[in-house]
Amino acid sequence: MKKKLTLITSLGAATLALAPLASSEAQTPAEGFNIHVVAPHRHEDGTEHGPYHHYCKQIKPEILQCMIFLSADPNAELVEIEYFIDKKLARTNVTLEQWNKHFHDHKEEIASGRVQVLDVPPEKAKEIAEAASKTDGIIFHLWPVGKKIPNGEVMFPTAVSHKPVAKLEVPE
Protein backbone atom coordinates (compact mmCIF):
# COMPACT_ATOMS: atom_id res chain seq x y z
CA MET A 1 0.00 0.00 0.00
CA LYS A 2 2.83 2.35 0.82
CA LYS A 3 4.37 1.86 -2.66
CA LYS A 4 1.04 2.59 -4.32
CA LEU A 5 0.62 5.83 -2.38
CA THR A 6 4.17 6.89 -3.25
CA LEU A 7 3.51 6.19 -6.93
CA ILE A 8 0.31 8.23 -6.91
CA THR A 9 2.08 11.07 -5.12
CA SER A 10 4.98 10.93 -7.57
CA LEU A 11 2.66 10.92 -10.58
CA GLY A 12 0.72 13.84 -9.17
CA ALA A 13 3.90 15.83 -8.60
CA ALA A 14 5.18 14.98 -12.09
CA THR A 15 1.91 16.07 -13.66
CA LEU A 16 1.92 19.34 -11.72
CA ALA A 17 5.57 19.94 -12.58
CA LEU A 18 4.77 19.70 -16.31
CA ALA A 19 1.90 22.18 -16.17
CA PRO A 20 4.10 25.31 -16.56
CA LEU A 21 5.53 23.86 -19.78
CA ALA A 22 2.22 24.28 -21.61
CA SER A 23 2.25 26.95 -24.30
CA SER A 24 0.69 30.22 -23.19
CA GLU A 25 -0.41 30.77 -26.81
CA ALA A 26 -2.70 27.72 -26.87
CA GLN A 27 -6.40 28.52 -26.63
CA THR A 28 -8.50 26.44 -24.24
CA PRO A 29 -12.15 26.63 -23.15
CA ALA A 30 -10.91 27.96 -19.78
CA GLU A 31 -9.55 31.16 -21.32
CA GLY A 32 -11.56 34.34 -21.46
CA PHE A 33 -13.50 34.10 -18.20
CA ASN A 34 -12.75 37.74 -17.46
CA ILE A 35 -16.12 39.29 -16.61
CA HIS A 36 -15.95 39.40 -12.78
CA VAL A 37 -19.28 39.68 -10.94
CA VAL A 38 -19.97 39.31 -7.23
CA ALA A 39 -23.43 38.39 -5.88
CA PRO A 40 -25.01 36.34 -3.09
CA HIS A 41 -27.24 33.33 -3.81
CA ARG A 42 -30.18 31.79 -1.99
CA HIS A 43 -29.92 28.03 -1.59
CA GLU A 44 -32.91 25.71 -1.87
CA ASP A 45 -33.29 25.63 1.92
CA GLY A 46 -33.85 29.42 1.93
CA THR A 47 -30.44 30.35 3.37
CA GLU A 48 -28.34 33.08 1.80
CA HIS A 49 -24.70 32.34 0.93
CA GLY A 50 -21.86 34.27 -0.62
CA PRO A 51 -21.07 36.64 -1.99
CA TYR A 52 -19.87 34.39 -4.80
CA HIS A 53 -17.25 35.43 -7.34
CA HIS A 54 -18.49 34.77 -10.87
CA TYR A 55 -15.92 34.69 -13.68
CA CYS A 56 -17.85 34.74 -16.94
CA LYS A 57 -17.45 34.74 -20.70
CA GLN A 58 -19.82 34.76 -23.63
CA ILE A 59 -19.96 31.32 -25.31
CA LYS A 60 -22.82 32.06 -27.74
CA PRO A 61 -24.52 35.33 -28.70
CA GLU A 62 -27.36 34.53 -26.28
CA ILE A 63 -25.46 32.68 -23.52
CA LEU A 64 -22.89 33.73 -20.93
CA GLN A 65 -21.20 30.96 -18.93
CA CYS A 66 -19.78 31.55 -15.44
CA MET A 67 -17.43 29.66 -13.16
CA ILE A 68 -18.29 30.56 -9.57
CA PHE A 69 -15.92 30.54 -6.61
CA LEU A 70 -16.26 31.40 -2.90
CA SER A 71 -13.48 33.97 -3.19
CA ALA A 72 -11.03 35.53 -5.64
CA ASP A 73 -8.16 33.49 -4.16
CA PRO A 74 -6.19 31.69 -6.91
CA ASN A 75 -6.82 28.36 -5.14
CA ALA A 76 -10.53 28.89 -4.41
CA GLU A 77 -12.78 25.91 -5.07
CA LEU A 78 -15.06 25.97 -8.10
CA VAL A 79 -18.41 25.55 -6.33
CA GLU A 80 -21.01 26.58 -8.92
CA ILE A 81 -21.65 27.04 -12.62
CA GLU A 82 -24.15 29.63 -13.83
CA TYR A 83 -25.57 30.31 -17.26
CA PHE A 84 -26.95 33.73 -18.23
CA ILE A 85 -29.45 32.91 -21.00
CA ASP A 86 -31.29 35.41 -23.17
CA LYS A 87 -34.83 35.60 -21.74
CA LYS A 88 -36.48 34.79 -25.06
CA LEU A 89 -34.40 31.59 -25.40
CA ALA A 90 -34.76 30.54 -21.76
CA ARG A 91 -38.48 31.20 -21.48
CA THR A 92 -39.36 29.31 -24.65
CA ASN A 93 -37.32 26.22 -23.72
CA VAL A 94 -38.43 25.46 -20.16
CA THR A 95 -41.76 25.00 -18.45
CA LEU A 96 -43.16 27.52 -15.96
CA GLU A 97 -42.50 24.95 -13.22
CA GLN A 98 -38.85 24.52 -14.28
CA TRP A 99 -38.34 28.27 -14.49
CA ASN A 100 -39.83 28.94 -11.06
CA LYS A 101 -37.78 26.18 -9.45
CA HIS A 102 -34.38 26.65 -11.12
CA PHE A 103 -34.18 30.01 -12.91
CA HIS A 104 -34.15 33.64 -11.84
CA ASP A 105 -34.56 36.98 -13.63
CA HIS A 106 -31.31 38.93 -13.72
CA LYS A 107 -33.23 42.21 -14.16
CA GLU A 108 -34.74 41.68 -10.69
CA GLU A 109 -31.40 40.58 -9.23
CA ILE A 110 -29.52 43.60 -10.60
CA ALA A 111 -32.29 45.97 -9.46
CA SER A 112 -31.88 44.57 -5.91
CA GLY A 113 -28.48 46.29 -5.67
CA ARG A 114 -26.78 43.07 -4.53
CA VAL A 115 -24.76 42.55 -7.73
CA GLN A 116 -21.38 44.16 -8.36
CA VAL A 117 -19.41 44.09 -11.61
CA LEU A 118 -15.73 44.33 -10.69
CA ASP A 119 -12.41 45.05 -12.40
CA VAL A 120 -13.81 47.41 -15.06
CA PRO A 121 -14.55 51.16 -15.20
CA PRO A 122 -18.03 52.20 -13.95
CA GLU A 123 -19.34 52.84 -17.49
CA LYS A 124 -18.36 49.31 -18.58
CA ALA A 125 -19.83 47.82 -15.37
CA LYS A 126 -23.14 49.57 -16.16
CA GLU A 127 -23.05 48.23 -19.73
CA ILE A 128 -22.42 44.66 -18.51
CA ALA A 129 -25.21 44.91 -15.91
CA GLU A 130 -27.61 46.25 -18.54
CA ALA A 131 -26.83 43.34 -20.87
CA ALA A 132 -27.17 40.84 -18.00
CA SER A 133 -30.58 42.28 -17.08
CA LYS A 134 -31.88 40.89 -20.39
CA THR A 135 -31.09 37.33 -19.28
CA ASP A 136 -32.37 34.65 -16.94
CA GLY A 137 -29.94 32.67 -14.82
CA ILE A 138 -29.69 29.03 -13.82
CA ILE A 139 -27.13 27.95 -11.21
CA PHE A 140 -25.78 24.47 -10.56
CA HIS A 141 -24.23 24.23 -7.07
CA LEU A 142 -21.64 21.43 -7.20
CA TRP A 143 -19.77 21.57 -3.87
CA PRO A 144 -22.06 21.21 -0.84
CA VAL A 145 -21.55 23.89 1.81
CA GLY A 146 -19.30 22.67 4.62
CA LYS A 147 -18.16 19.51 2.82
CA LYS A 148 -14.46 18.76 2.23
CA ILE A 149 -15.10 17.55 -1.31
CA PRO A 150 -17.88 17.58 -3.90
CA ASN A 151 -19.96 14.43 -3.36
CA GLY A 152 -22.25 14.32 -6.39
CA GLU A 153 -25.03 16.29 -4.69
CA VAL A 154 -26.22 19.09 -7.00
CA MET A 155 -28.43 21.95 -5.81
CA PHE A 156 -30.09 24.76 -7.72
CA PRO A 157 -29.74 28.04 -5.82
CA THR A 158 -31.28 31.23 -7.21
CA ALA A 159 -30.84 34.95 -6.79
CA VAL A 160 -31.71 36.27 -3.34
CA SER A 161 -34.33 38.46 -5.06
CA HIS A 162 -35.99 35.53 -6.92
CA LYS A 163 -39.77 35.37 -6.83
CA PRO A 164 -41.82 32.70 -8.65
CA VAL A 165 -44.01 34.05 -11.43
CA ALA A 166 -47.53 33.06 -12.55
CA LYS A 167 -46.68 33.34 -16.24
CA LEU A 168 -43.45 33.48 -18.24
CA GLU A 169 -43.37 36.76 -20.15
CA VAL A 170 -41.34 36.27 -23.34
CA PRO A 171 -39.67 39.45 -24.64
CA GLU A 172 -40.26 40.33 -28.28
C-alpha atoms as a PDB file:
ATOM      1  CA  MET A   1       0.000   0.000   0.000  1.00  0.00           C
ATOM      2  CA  LYS A   2       2.833   2.352   0.821  1.00  0.00           C
ATOM      3  CA  LYS A   3       4.374   1.861  -2.657  1.00  0.00           C
ATOM      4  CA  LYS A   4       1.038   2.586  -4.324  1.00  0.00           C
ATOM      5  CA  LEU A   5       0.621   5.827  -2.379  1.00  0.00           C
ATOM      6  CA  THR A   6       4.165   6.888  -3.248  1.00  0.00           C
ATOM      7  CA  LEU A   7       3.513   6.188  -6.930  1.00  0.00           C
ATOM      8  CA  ILE A   8       0.314   8.232  -6.912  1.00  0.00           C
ATOM      9  CA  THR A   9       2.081  11.071  -5.115  1.00  0.00           C
ATOM     10  CA  SER A  10       4.976  10.933  -7.574  1.00  0.00           C
ATOM     11  CA  LEU A  11       2.662  10.925 -10.581  1.00  0.00           C
ATOM     12  CA  GLY A  12       0.715  13.843  -9.168  1.00  0.00           C
ATOM     13  CA  ALA A  13       3.904  15.834  -8.598  1.00  0.00           C
ATOM     14  CA  ALA A  14       5.176  14.981 -12.088  1.00  0.00           C
ATOM     15  CA  THR A  15       1.912  16.072 -13.664  1.00  0.00           C
ATOM     16  CA  LEU A  16       1.917  19.339 -11.722  1.00  0.00           C
ATOM     17  CA  ALA A  17       5.566  19.935 -12.581  1.00  0.00           C
ATOM     18  CA  LEU A  18       4.769  19.697 -16.309  1.00  0.00           C
ATOM     19  CA  ALA A  19       1.897  22.184 -16.171  1.00  0.00           C
ATOM     20  CA  PRO A  20       4.103  25.308 -16.556  1.00  0.00           C
ATOM     21  CA  LEU A  21       5.530  23.858 -19.782  1.00  0.00           C
ATOM     22  CA  ALA A  22       2.220  24.284 -21.605  1.00  0.00           C
ATOM     23  CA  SER A  23       2.245  26.952 -24.301  1.00  0.00           C
ATOM     24  CA  SER A  24       0.690  30.220 -23.193  1.00  0.00           C
ATOM     25  CA  GLU A  25      -0.413  30.768 -26.811  1.00  0.00           C
ATOM     26  CA  ALA A  26      -2.704  27.722 -26.866  1.00  0.00           C
ATOM     27  CA  GLN A  27      -6.403  28.516 -26.634  1.00  0.00           C
ATOM     28  CA  THR A  28      -8.500  26.443 -24.237  1.00  0.00           C
ATOM     29  CA  PRO A  29     -12.146  26.625 -23.147  1.00  0.00           C
ATOM     30  CA  ALA A  30     -10.910  27.955 -19.781  1.00  0.00           C
ATOM     31  CA  GLU A  31      -9.555  31.163 -21.320  1.00  0.00           C
ATOM     32  CA  GLY A  32     -11.555  34.345 -21.461  1.00  0.00           C
ATOM     33  CA  PHE A  33     -13.504  34.101 -18.202  1.00  0.00           C
ATOM     34  CA  ASN A  34     -12.747  37.744 -17.459  1.00  0.00           C
ATOM     35  CA  ILE A  35     -16.118  39.286 -16.606  1.00  0.00           C
ATOM     36  CA  HIS A  36     -15.951  39.403 -12.777  1.00  0.00           C
ATOM     37  CA  VAL A  37     -19.278  39.680 -10.944  1.00  0.00           C
ATOM     38  CA  VAL A  38     -19.974  39.308  -7.226  1.00  0.00           C
ATOM     39  CA  ALA A  39     -23.426  38.389  -5.885  1.00  0.00           C
ATOM     40  CA  PRO A  40     -25.010  36.341  -3.086  1.00  0.00           C
ATOM     41  CA  HIS A  41     -27.236  33.333  -3.811  1.00  0.00           C
ATOM     42  CA  ARG A  42     -30.182  31.790  -1.992  1.00  0.00           C
ATOM     43  CA  HIS A  43     -29.924  28.030  -1.590  1.00  0.00           C
ATOM     44  CA  GLU A  44     -32.908  25.711  -1.870  1.00  0.00           C
ATOM     45  CA  ASP A  45     -33.287  25.632   1.924  1.00  0.00           C
ATOM     46  CA  GLY A  46     -33.849  29.415   1.929  1.00  0.00           C
ATOM     47  CA  THR A  47     -30.441  30.349   3.375  1.00  0.00           C
ATOM     48  CA  GLU A  48     -28.339  33.083   1.799  1.00  0.00           C
ATOM     49  CA  HIS A  49     -24.702  32.341   0.926  1.00  0.00           C
ATOM     50  CA  GLY A  50     -21.861  34.273  -0.622  1.00  0.00           C
ATOM     51  CA  PRO A  51     -21.067  36.645  -1.992  1.00  0.00           C
ATOM     52  CA  TYR A  52     -19.873  34.392  -4.804  1.00  0.00           C
ATOM     53  CA  HIS A  53     -17.248  35.432  -7.339  1.00  0.00           C
ATOM     54  CA  HIS A  54     -18.494  34.773 -10.871  1.00  0.00           C
ATOM     55  CA  TYR A  55     -15.920  34.685 -13.684  1.00  0.00           C
ATOM     56  CA  CYS A  56     -17.855  34.741 -16.943  1.00  0.00           C
ATOM     57  CA  LYS A  57     -17.452  34.738 -20.697  1.00  0.00           C
ATOM     58  CA  GLN A  58     -19.820  34.756 -23.635  1.00  0.00           C
ATOM     59  CA  ILE A  59     -19.963  31.323 -25.311  1.00  0.00           C
ATOM     60  CA  LYS A  60     -22.819  32.062 -27.745  1.00  0.00           C
ATOM     61  CA  PRO A  61     -24.524  35.325 -28.699  1.00  0.00           C
ATOM     62  CA  GLU A  62     -27.363  34.526 -26.281  1.00  0.00           C
ATOM     63  CA  ILE A  63     -25.456  32.678 -23.518  1.00  0.00           C
ATOM     64  CA  LEU A  64     -22.887  33.734 -20.934  1.00  0.00           C
ATOM     65  CA  GLN A  65     -21.198  30.958 -18.930  1.00  0.00           C
ATOM     66  CA  CYS A  66     -19.776  31.550 -15.444  1.00  0.00           C
ATOM     67  CA  MET A  67     -17.432  29.656 -13.162  1.00  0.00           C
ATOM     68  CA  ILE A  68     -18.294  30.558  -9.574  1.00  0.00           C
ATOM     69  CA  PHE A  69     -15.922  30.543  -6.610  1.00  0.00           C
ATOM     70  CA  LEU A  70     -16.259  31.396  -2.903  1.00  0.00           C
ATOM     71  CA  SER A  71     -13.476  33.969  -3.191  1.00  0.00           C
ATOM     72  CA  ALA A  72     -11.031  35.528  -5.635  1.00  0.00           C
ATOM     73  CA  ASP A  73      -8.160  33.493  -4.156  1.00  0.00           C
ATOM     74  CA  PRO A  74      -6.188  31.690  -6.915  1.00  0.00           C
ATOM     75  CA  ASN A  75      -6.825  28.357  -5.143  1.00  0.00           C
ATOM     76  CA  ALA A  76     -10.532  28.887  -4.415  1.00  0.00           C
ATOM     77  CA  GLU A  77     -12.783  25.906  -5.069  1.00  0.00           C
ATOM     78  CA  LEU A  78     -15.062  25.970  -8.103  1.00  0.00           C
ATOM     79  CA  VAL A  79     -18.412  25.552  -6.332  1.00  0.00           C
ATOM     80  CA  GLU A  80     -21.005  26.582  -8.922  1.00  0.00           C
ATOM     81  CA  ILE A  81     -21.645  27.040 -12.624  1.00  0.00           C
ATOM     82  CA  GLU A  82     -24.153  29.632 -13.832  1.00  0.00           C
ATOM     83  CA  TYR A  83     -25.570  30.313 -17.258  1.00  0.00           C
ATOM     84  CA  PHE A  84     -26.949  33.728 -18.231  1.00  0.00           C
ATOM     85  CA  ILE A  85     -29.446  32.913 -20.996  1.00  0.00           C
ATOM     86  CA  ASP A  86     -31.288  35.415 -23.167  1.00  0.00           C
ATOM     87  CA  LYS A  87     -34.829  35.601 -21.739  1.00  0.00           C
ATOM     88  CA  LYS A  88     -36.485  34.785 -25.063  1.00  0.00           C
ATOM     89  CA  LEU A  89     -34.403  31.594 -25.402  1.00  0.00           C
ATOM     90  CA  ALA A  90     -34.760  30.543 -21.759  1.00  0.00           C
ATOM     91  CA  ARG A  91     -38.476  31.198 -21.476  1.00  0.00           C
ATOM     92  CA  THR A  92     -39.359  29.314 -24.654  1.00  0.00           C
ATOM     93  CA  ASN A  93     -37.317  26.219 -23.722  1.00  0.00           C
ATOM     94  CA  VAL A  94     -38.426  25.462 -20.157  1.00  0.00           C
ATOM     95  CA  THR A  95     -41.764  24.997 -18.449  1.00  0.00           C
ATOM     96  CA  LEU A  96     -43.157  27.518 -15.961  1.00  0.00           C
ATOM     97  CA  GLU A  97     -42.502  24.952 -13.216  1.00  0.00           C
ATOM     98  CA  GLN A  98     -38.854  24.522 -14.277  1.00  0.00           C
ATOM     99  CA  TRP A  99     -38.339  28.274 -14.492  1.00  0.00           C
ATOM    100  CA  ASN A 100     -39.834  28.938 -11.055  1.00  0.00           C
ATOM    101  CA  LYS A 101     -37.779  26.177  -9.453  1.00  0.00           C
ATOM    102  CA  HIS A 102     -34.376  26.654 -11.116  1.00  0.00           C
ATOM    103  CA  PHE A 103     -34.181  30.014 -12.912  1.00  0.00           C
ATOM    104  CA  HIS A 104     -34.151  33.643 -11.842  1.00  0.00           C
ATOM    105  CA  ASP A 105     -34.556  36.980 -13.627  1.00  0.00           C
ATOM    106  CA  HIS A 106     -31.309  38.934 -13.719  1.00  0.00           C
ATOM    107  CA  LYS A 107     -33.234  42.207 -14.162  1.00  0.00           C
ATOM    108  CA  GLU A 108     -34.739  41.685 -10.690  1.00  0.00           C
ATOM    109  CA  GLU A 109     -31.397  40.584  -9.229  1.00  0.00           C
ATOM    110  CA  ILE A 110     -29.522  43.604 -10.599  1.00  0.00           C
ATOM    111  CA  ALA A 111     -32.294  45.974  -9.456  1.00  0.00           C
ATOM    112  CA  SER A 112     -31.881  44.568  -5.913  1.00  0.00           C
ATOM    113  CA  GLY A 113     -28.478  46.293  -5.671  1.00  0.00           C
ATOM    114  CA  ARG A 114     -26.779  43.071  -4.525  1.00  0.00           C
ATOM    115  CA  VAL A 115     -24.764  42.553  -7.730  1.00  0.00           C
ATOM    116  CA  GLN A 116     -21.384  44.161  -8.357  1.00  0.00           C
ATOM    117  CA  VAL A 117     -19.413  44.085 -11.614  1.00  0.00           C
ATOM    118  CA  LEU A 118     -15.732  44.329 -10.687  1.00  0.00           C
ATOM    119  CA  ASP A 119     -12.407  45.052 -12.400  1.00  0.00           C
ATOM    120  CA  VAL A 120     -13.810  47.412 -15.057  1.00  0.00           C
ATOM    121  CA  PRO A 121     -14.545  51.159 -15.199  1.00  0.00           C
ATOM    122  CA  PRO A 122     -18.033  52.204 -13.947  1.00  0.00           C
ATOM    123  CA  GLU A 123     -19.336  52.836 -17.490  1.00  0.00           C
ATOM    124  CA  LYS A 124     -18.356  49.315 -18.580  1.00  0.00           C
ATOM    125  CA  ALA A 125     -19.834  47.822 -15.373  1.00  0.00           C
ATOM    126  CA  LYS A 126     -23.137  49.568 -16.157  1.00  0.00           C
ATOM    127  CA  GLU A 127     -23.055  48.228 -19.731  1.00  0.00           C
ATOM    128  CA  ILE A 128     -22.421  44.664 -18.507  1.00  0.00           C
ATOM    129  CA  ALA A 129     -25.205  44.913 -15.906  1.00  0.00           C
ATOM    130  CA  GLU A 130     -27.612  46.255 -18.538  1.00  0.00           C
ATOM    131  CA  ALA A 131     -26.829  43.340 -20.875  1.00  0.00           C
ATOM    132  CA  ALA A 132     -27.169  40.843 -18.000  1.00  0.00           C
ATOM    133  CA  SER A 133     -30.582  42.276 -17.084  1.00  0.00           C
ATOM    134  CA  LYS A 134     -31.882  40.890 -20.392  1.00  0.00           C
ATOM    135  CA  THR A 135     -31.092  37.332 -19.281  1.00  0.00           C
ATOM    136  CA  ASP A 136     -32.375  34.646 -16.938  1.00  0.00           C
ATOM    137  CA  GLY A 137     -29.941  32.673 -14.815  1.00  0.00           C
ATOM    138  CA  ILE A 138     -29.688  29.034 -13.823  1.00  0.00           C
ATOM    139  CA  ILE A 139     -27.128  27.948 -11.209  1.00  0.00           C
ATOM    140  CA  PHE A 140     -25.777  24.466 -10.563  1.00  0.00           C
ATOM    141  CA  HIS A 141     -24.231  24.232  -7.066  1.00  0.00           C
ATOM    142  CA  LEU A 142     -21.639  21.433  -7.198  1.00  0.00           C
ATOM    143  CA  TRP A 143     -19.773  21.565  -3.874  1.00  0.00           C
ATOM    144  CA  PRO A 144     -22.060  21.214  -0.841  1.00  0.00           C
ATOM    145  CA  VAL A 145     -21.551  23.894   1.814  1.00  0.00           C
ATOM    146  CA  GLY A 146     -19.301  22.670   4.620  1.00  0.00           C
ATOM    147  CA  LYS A 147     -18.155  19.514   2.818  1.00  0.00           C
ATOM    148  CA  LYS A 148     -14.457  18.761   2.234  1.00  0.00           C
ATOM    149  CA  ILE A 149     -15.097  17.549  -1.314  1.00  0.00           C
ATOM    150  CA  PRO A 150     -17.880  17.579  -3.898  1.00  0.00           C
ATOM    151  CA  ASN A 151     -19.957  14.430  -3.364  1.00  0.00           C
ATOM    152  CA  GLY A 152     -22.255  14.324  -6.386  1.00  0.00           C
ATOM    153  CA  GLU A 153     -25.026  16.292  -4.691  1.00  0.00           C
ATOM    154  CA  VAL A 154     -26.217  19.088  -6.995  1.00  0.00           C
ATOM    155  CA  MET A 155     -28.429  21.946  -5.811  1.00  0.00           C
ATOM    156  CA  PHE A 156     -30.091  24.764  -7.721  1.00  0.00           C
ATOM    157  CA  PRO A 157     -29.742  28.037  -5.821  1.00  0.00           C
ATOM    158  CA  THR A 158     -31.276  31.231  -7.207  1.00  0.00           C
ATOM    159  CA  ALA A 159     -30.841  34.950  -6.786  1.00  0.00           C
ATOM    160  CA  VAL A 160     -31.707  36.270  -3.339  1.00  0.00           C
ATOM    161  CA  SER A 161     -34.327  38.457  -5.064  1.00  0.00           C
ATOM    162  CA  HIS A 162     -35.994  35.526  -6.920  1.00  0.00           C
ATOM    163  CA  LYS A 163     -39.769  35.366  -6.830  1.00  0.00           C
ATOM    164  CA  PRO A 164     -41.819  32.703  -8.647  1.00  0.00           C
ATOM    165  CA  VAL A 165     -44.014  34.046 -11.433  1.00  0.00           C
ATOM    166  CA  ALA A 166     -47.534  33.058 -12.546  1.00  0.00           C
ATOM    167  CA  LYS A 167     -46.684  33.339 -16.242  1.00  0.00           C
ATOM    168  CA  LEU A 168     -43.454  33.484 -18.240  1.00  0.00           C
ATOM    169  CA  GLU A 169     -43.368  36.758 -20.148  1.00  0.00           C
ATOM    170  CA  VAL A 170     -41.342  36.267 -23.344  1.00  0.00           C
ATOM    171  CA  PRO A 171     -39.674  39.445 -24.636  1.00  0.00           C
ATOM    172  CA  GLU A 172     -40.262  40.328 -28.280  1.00  0.00           C
END
